[in-house]
Amino acid sequence: MKKNILIGIVICILLSTNSIFTYAEDDSLEQFRDAVNKAWVQRDYEEIQQLIQNRLNNHPNDVLALGVKMYYYVFCSRDLSKARETGDEFFDAVRKSGNSDMIQLSSMMRDEIYSIPLSESKPYTQEQIDVIHNEFNKSFPLIERFYSMATTILSR
C-alpha cells in the first residue's frame, strides 16, 4: 500500500515537472508558424509580437516562440539587448530538452546573436527593411529552423 502511494507521488512529481517544461505538444506549432509567416508577409510586426506573447503565455519554454522572439528583436524592433536576453531563454529551453544536437545548434544561434555589436541597435531604414523582406519574402527569418528544432525536440 505504501509502495503504491509512493509510486503515485513519484508519478505526480514527474508529471508536474514535465509541465514546467512545456513544449507545446500539439498541432499548434504549425498554426503558430503559419500565422507568424502571414503577419511577416503583411509586415504586421504588432501582430507578430502579439502572436509571440500569446504563445509564450501558454507555453513559456516553447522553442519555436522563443526563437521567433529572438529574431523579432533582430529583424523587427532591432533591440539587440532583448535579442540577447531572449537568446539566453531560448538556449535554456533547448538545454532542458536534453537533446545534445539541438543544444549545440541553439548555442551557435545564441552566439550568433551575441556577435552582433550592441552599437548596431539602431532602427532599420526603409531600404534595409525592404532588403530583409526581399530576402525573406515568404516566411519570417529562420522560422523553419526553429520549427524543425521544436518538432525534433518533441519527437524525442
Foldseek 3Di string as FASTA:
>chain_A
DVVVVVVVVVVVVVVVVVLVLFAPLDPVLVVLQVQQLVCVLVVPLVSLVVSLVVVCVRHVLHLLSLVLQLVCCVQPQLQLVVSLVSLVSNLVSLVVLVPVVLNVVSVVVSVVSVVDDNVRSDDDDPVVNVVVCVVVVRGRPPSVVSSVSSVVSSVD
